[in-house]
Amino acid sequence: MEHGALQGFIARHQRLFVLTGAGCSTNSSIPDYRDRQGNWKRTQPVTYQAFMGDELTRQRYWARSLIGWRRFGRALPNDAHHALARLETRGRCELLLTQNVDRLHQVAGSNQVIDLHGRLDLVRCTGCGLKLPRDELQHELGRLNGDWLARDAADAPDGDADLDDADFSSFLVPSCRFCADILKPDVVFFGESVSRDIVATAQTHLEQADAMLIVGSSLMVYSGFRFVQTAARKGIPIAAVNLGRTRADDLLTLKVEDRCEAALSFLL
């Protein structure tokens, strides 16, 4: 019944503003952060302030990333990503705004995408602004820390791995080769703000939309939830596909509690 209602919701609207979250990528073997109640499953992610202010935090981050990136960097889109790409192909997607940093929507063929929280396949210098591919830094991390390459650990959500019992104090972290400043993943950390330009562009697209579709997000992070608040204020109908509670349950026109790829399978 819910799937039929979702199919009808999408059929009735021509310009969908799609907002996606971690639940969209779990079937691509990328873990999510939260349980069905929207609570943390694990230790909260590193904050911007800790990463920038503490060398040991950066050593811990990049050591975990060295191990985790090997699988995260090879992740492939699943049927949820392909279904949303098909929605765009049919001319029904005003914008896909994703809170994910894995770029799997783009790999699946979606073009009208804004990466709200950045992209993990790039690294940015916090001094001069240089950007380089994450694979390039992976090679350098491995060269400097060859004894770590034999390690393995369970995957964590942000392309890193659960290595909390390790001693990170000897892990070598390269600096920018041009200005020697701190290198950081080109993503928005907790405690860091999304660019105003990105928010403004997404809001402009939302104003052109006739409905909103949330896929795989509990919306517990305000940077995504604010777009749902805006849609509700404007009277834009909102449908959500998510396993468990969302922060916007009282704002939804329709809710489907199922895996993203199953709920959207009719698009394929």
Protein backbone atom coordinates (compact mmCIF):
# COMPACT_ATOMS: atom_id res chain seq x y z
CA MET A 1 0.00 0.00 0.00
CA GLU A 2 2.76 2.46 0.98
CA HIS A 3 4.70 1.70 -2.20
CA GLY A 4 1.62 2.40 -4.30
CA ALA A 5 1.10 5.68 -2.47
CA LEU A 6 4.71 6.66 -3.14
CA GLN A 7 4.36 5.80 -6.81
CA GLY A 8 1.25 7.96 -6.96
CA PHE A 9 3.00 10.83 -5.14
CA ILE A 10 5.86 10.83 -7.65
CA ALA A 11 3.47 10.50 -10.60
CA ARG A 12 1.49 13.57 -9.48
CA HIS A 13 4.51 15.88 -9.29
CA GLN A 14 6.69 17.05 -12.14
CA ARG A 15 9.51 18.89 -10.32
CA LEU A 16 10.75 16.90 -7.35
CA PHE A 17 13.33 18.31 -4.96
CA VAL A 18 15.09 15.16 -3.74
CA LEU A 19 17.05 15.13 -0.48
CA THR A 20 19.11 12.00 0.25
CA GLY A 21 21.04 10.70 3.23
CA ALA A 22 23.10 7.76 4.47
CA GLY A 23 20.27 5.24 4.09
CA CYS A 24 20.60 5.63 0.34
CA SER A 25 24.13 4.17 0.42
CA THR A 26 23.95 1.44 3.07
CA ASN A 27 23.26 -1.16 0.40
CA SER A 28 26.55 -0.10 -1.20
CA SER A 29 28.30 -1.32 1.98
CA ILE A 30 28.76 2.17 3.43
CA PRO A 31 27.58 2.14 7.07
CA ASP A 32 25.21 4.78 8.42
CA TYR A 33 25.48 6.74 11.67
CA ARG A 34 22.09 6.34 13.30
CA ASP A 35 19.63 3.68 14.42
CA ARG A 36 15.89 3.61 13.71
CA GLN A 37 15.25 6.09 16.51
CA GLY A 38 17.70 8.58 15.04
CA ASN A 39 20.26 8.01 17.81
CA TRP A 40 23.99 7.59 17.27
CA LYS A 41 25.13 4.00 16.70
CA ARG A 42 28.77 4.89 17.34
CA THR A 43 31.05 7.65 18.57
CA GLN A 44 30.17 10.94 16.91
CA PRO A 45 32.37 11.98 13.97
CA VAL A 46 35.42 14.16 14.45
CA THR A 47 34.65 17.87 14.68
CA TYR A 48 36.25 20.58 12.58
CA GLN A 49 37.64 22.24 15.68
CA ALA A 50 39.33 19.05 16.92
CA PHE A 51 40.75 18.20 13.48
CA MET A 52 42.24 21.64 12.95
CA GLY A 53 43.43 22.15 16.52
CA ASP A 54 45.00 18.84 17.50
CA GLU A 55 47.74 16.95 15.67
CA LEU A 56 46.90 13.62 17.32
CA THR A 57 43.30 13.96 16.11
CA ARG A 58 44.58 14.40 12.55
CA GLN A 59 46.88 11.39 12.93
CA ARG A 60 43.95 9.31 14.16
CA TYR A 61 41.70 10.52 11.34
CA TRP A 62 44.15 9.84 8.51
CA ALA A 63 45.27 6.47 9.90
CA ARG A 64 41.65 5.31 10.02
CA SER A 65 41.09 6.80 6.56
CA LEU A 66 44.11 4.99 5.11
CA ILE A 67 42.47 1.68 6.02
CA GLY A 68 38.85 2.59 5.26
CA TRP A 69 39.37 4.35 1.94
CA ARG A 70 40.47 1.13 0.25
CA ARG A 71 36.87 -0.12 0.28
CA PHE A 72 34.99 3.20 0.40
CA GLY A 73 36.79 4.41 -2.73
CA ARG A 74 35.61 1.33 -4.64
CA ALA A 75 31.95 1.45 -3.55
CA LEU A 76 29.40 1.15 -6.36
CA PRO A 77 25.91 2.65 -6.70
CA ASN A 78 22.96 0.48 -5.72
CA ASP A 79 19.42 0.38 -7.09
CA ALA A 80 18.37 3.43 -5.03
CA HIS A 81 20.99 5.58 -6.78
CA HIS A 82 20.02 4.16 -10.16
CA ALA A 83 16.31 4.75 -9.50
CA LEU A 84 16.91 8.42 -8.68
CA ALA A 85 19.08 8.80 -11.79
CA ARG A 86 16.17 7.39 -13.80
CA LEU A 87 13.89 9.98 -12.21
CA GLU A 88 16.17 12.73 -13.54
CA THR A 89 16.33 11.09 -16.99
CA ARG A 90 12.54 11.31 -17.11
CA GLY A 91 12.74 15.05 -16.43
CA ARG A 92 11.09 14.81 -13.03
CA CYS A 93 13.95 15.92 -10.75
CA GLU A 94 14.36 19.65 -10.07
CA LEU A 95 17.46 18.92 -7.96
CA LEU A 96 19.06 16.11 -6.00
CA LEU A 97 20.56 17.49 -2.80
CA THR A 98 22.60 14.83 -1.03
CA GLN A 99 24.02 14.84 2.48
CA ASN A 100 26.30 11.96 1.44
CA VAL A 101 29.93 12.51 0.48
CA ASP A 102 30.38 9.32 -1.58
CA ARG A 103 29.49 10.71 -5.07
CA LEU A 104 27.50 7.54 -5.84
CA HIS A 105 24.58 9.54 -7.25
CA GLN A 106 26.89 10.99 -9.89
CA VAL A 107 28.41 7.58 -10.67
CA ALA A 108 24.87 6.25 -11.18
CA GLY A 109 24.19 8.98 -13.74
CA SER A 110 22.54 11.85 -11.84
CA ASN A 111 23.76 15.26 -13.05
CA GLN A 112 21.56 17.75 -11.21
CA VAL A 113 23.27 17.10 -7.88
CA ILE A 114 24.52 19.32 -5.07
CA ASP A 115 26.86 17.68 -2.56
CA LEU A 116 25.65 19.53 0.53
CA HIS A 117 28.45 18.23 2.73
CA GLY A 118 31.19 18.08 0.09
CA ARG A 119 32.95 15.10 -1.44
CA LEU A 120 35.33 12.62 0.11
CA ASP A 121 37.17 11.87 -3.14
CA LEU A 122 38.93 15.25 -2.90
CA VAL A 123 41.36 16.69 -0.35
CA ARG A 124 41.72 20.44 0.20
CA CYS A 125 44.54 22.48 1.68
CA THR A 126 43.14 24.71 4.43
CA GLY A 127 45.84 27.30 3.66
CA CYS A 128 46.21 27.85 -0.08
CA GLY A 129 43.04 26.04 -1.18
CA LEU A 130 44.83 23.46 -3.37
CA LYS A 131 42.65 20.45 -4.17
CA LEU A 132 43.96 17.01 -5.01
CA PRO A 133 42.40 13.59 -5.56
CA ARG A 134 41.97 11.47 -2.44
CA ASP A 135 43.67 8.58 -4.28
CA GLU A 136 46.80 10.70 -4.61
CA LEU A 137 46.91 11.30 -0.87
CA GLN A 138 46.22 7.59 -0.28
CA HIS A 139 49.41 6.76 -2.17
CA GLU A 140 51.40 9.27 -0.09
CA LEU A 141 49.91 8.05 3.20
CA GLY A 142 50.85 4.50 2.30
CA ARG A 143 54.37 5.52 1.29
CA LEU A 144 54.95 7.27 4.61
CA ASN A 145 53.27 4.60 6.74
CA GLY A 146 54.02 1.32 5.00
CA ASP A 147 53.76 -0.68 8.22
CA TRP A 148 50.06 0.30 8.49
CA LEU A 149 49.10 -1.15 5.10
CA ALA A 150 48.78 -4.70 6.43
CA ARG A 151 46.14 -3.62 8.96
CA ASP A 152 42.42 -4.01 8.48
CA ALA A 153 39.35 -3.02 10.48
CA ALA A 154 35.58 -2.76 10.18
CA ASP A 155 34.29 0.02 7.95
CA ALA A 156 33.02 3.26 9.49
CA PRO A 157 30.59 5.68 7.78
CA ASP A 158 32.98 8.36 6.50
CA GLY A 159 35.40 6.23 4.51
CA ASP A 160 37.44 5.42 7.60
CA ALA A 161 37.75 2.32 9.79
CA ASP A 162 37.34 1.41 13.45
CA LEU A 163 40.95 1.42 14.65
CA ASP A 164 40.42 2.91 18.08
CA ASP A 165 42.77 0.52 19.88
CA ALA A 166 45.80 1.64 17.84
CA ASP A 167 48.60 4.00 18.85
CA PHE A 168 48.44 6.83 16.32
CA SER A 169 51.30 8.92 17.69
CA SER A 170 53.82 7.64 15.13
CA PHE A 171 51.53 7.95 12.10
CA LEU A 172 52.94 10.44 9.58
CA VAL A 173 50.51 12.92 8.01
CA PRO A 174 51.71 14.87 4.97
CA SER A 175 51.19 18.64 4.70
CA CYS A 176 50.38 20.65 1.58
CA ARG A 177 53.31 20.35 -0.83
CA PHE A 178 52.98 24.02 -1.81
CA CYS A 179 52.38 25.90 1.44
CA ALA A 180 52.93 23.20 4.13
CA ASP A 181 49.51 23.88 5.70
CA ILE A 182 46.97 21.33 6.92
CA LEU A 183 45.28 18.99 4.41
CA LYS A 184 41.63 18.18 5.09
CA PRO A 185 39.02 16.08 3.29
CA ASP A 186 36.91 18.35 1.08
CA VAL A 187 33.85 17.70 3.22
CA VAL A 188 31.93 19.63 5.86
CA PHE A 189 32.88 18.33 9.30
CA PHE A 190 30.61 18.60 12.32
CA GLY A 191 31.09 22.09 13.73
CA GLU A 192 31.79 23.48 10.26
CA SER A 193 29.28 25.48 8.21
CA VAL A 194 27.94 24.68 4.76
CA SER A 195 28.81 27.37 2.21
CA ARG A 196 26.16 30.10 2.00
CA ASP A 197 26.29 29.91 -1.80
CA ILE A 198 25.45 26.21 -1.75
CA VAL A 199 22.54 26.78 0.63
CA ALA A 200 21.23 29.68 -1.49
CA THR A 201 21.45 27.67 -4.72
CA ALA A 202 19.59 24.75 -3.16
CA GLN A 203 16.91 27.07 -1.76
CA THR A 204 16.41 28.57 -5.24
CA HIS A 205 15.81 25.10 -6.66
CA LEU A 206 13.42 24.30 -3.81
CA GLU A 207 11.34 27.34 -4.73
CA GLN A 208 10.95 25.90 -8.25
CA ALA A 209 9.88 22.47 -6.99
CA ASP A 210 6.31 21.24 -6.64
CA ALA A 211 7.12 18.47 -4.14
CA MET A 212 9.92 17.16 -1.97
CA LEU A 213 11.14 13.58 -1.70
CA ILE A 214 13.41 12.54 1.19
CA VAL A 215 15.32 9.30 0.68
CA GLY A 216 17.26 7.60 3.47
CA SER A 217 17.68 10.39 5.99
CA SER A 218 16.62 10.80 9.60
CA LEU A 219 17.17 14.57 9.11
CA MET A 220 18.79 14.85 12.53
CA VAL A 221 21.44 17.17 11.09
CA TYR A 222 20.06 20.70 10.73
CA SER A 223 21.87 21.44 7.47
CA GLY A 224 19.47 19.06 5.71
CA PHE A 225 16.43 19.51 7.95
CA ARG A 226 16.22 23.25 7.22
CA PHE A 227 15.17 22.51 3.62
CA VAL A 228 12.29 20.41 4.90
CA GLN A 229 11.25 23.26 7.18
CA THR A 230 11.29 25.63 4.20
CA ALA A 231 9.22 23.24 2.08
CA ALA A 232 6.65 22.88 4.88
CA ARG A 233 6.38 26.67 5.30
CA LYS A 234 5.76 27.04 1.57
CA GLY A 235 3.08 24.34 1.55
CA ILE A 236 5.17 22.01 -0.62
CA PRO A 237 4.07 18.38 -0.09
CA ILE A 238 6.79 16.15 1.39
CA ALA A 239 7.23 12.38 1.08
CA ALA A 240 9.94 10.41 2.88
CA VAL A 241 11.44 6.96 2.50
CA ASN A 242 13.32 6.00 5.66
CA LEU A 243 13.67 3.08 8.03
CA GLY A 244 12.66 4.56 11.38
CA ARG A 245 11.96 7.96 12.84
CA THR A 246 12.82 11.23 11.13
CA ARG A 247 13.05 14.69 12.62
CA ALA A 248 10.31 15.79 10.19
CA ASP A 249 7.70 13.11 10.83
CA ASP A 250 5.09 15.71 11.78
CA LEU A 251 5.71 17.63 8.52
CA LEU A 252 5.34 14.71 6.10
CA THR A 253 2.54 14.18 3.61
CA LEU A 254 3.58 10.57 3.14
CA LYS A 255 6.07 8.25 4.82
CA VAL A 256 7.30 4.87 3.59
CA GLU A 257 9.26 2.79 6.10
CA ASP A 258 11.32 0.53 3.88
CA ARG A 259 14.78 0.20 2.37
CA CYS A 260 15.39 2.90 -0.21
CA GLU A 261 16.13 0.53 -3.08
CA ALA A 262 12.96 -1.48 -2.39
CA ALA A 263 10.68 1.54 -2.09
CA LEU A 264 12.00 3.08 -5.32
CA SER A 265 12.22 -0.15 -7.34
CA PHE A 266 9.18 0.82 -9.47
CA LEU A 267 11.33 3.54 -11.09
CA LEU A 268 13.57 0.84 -12.55
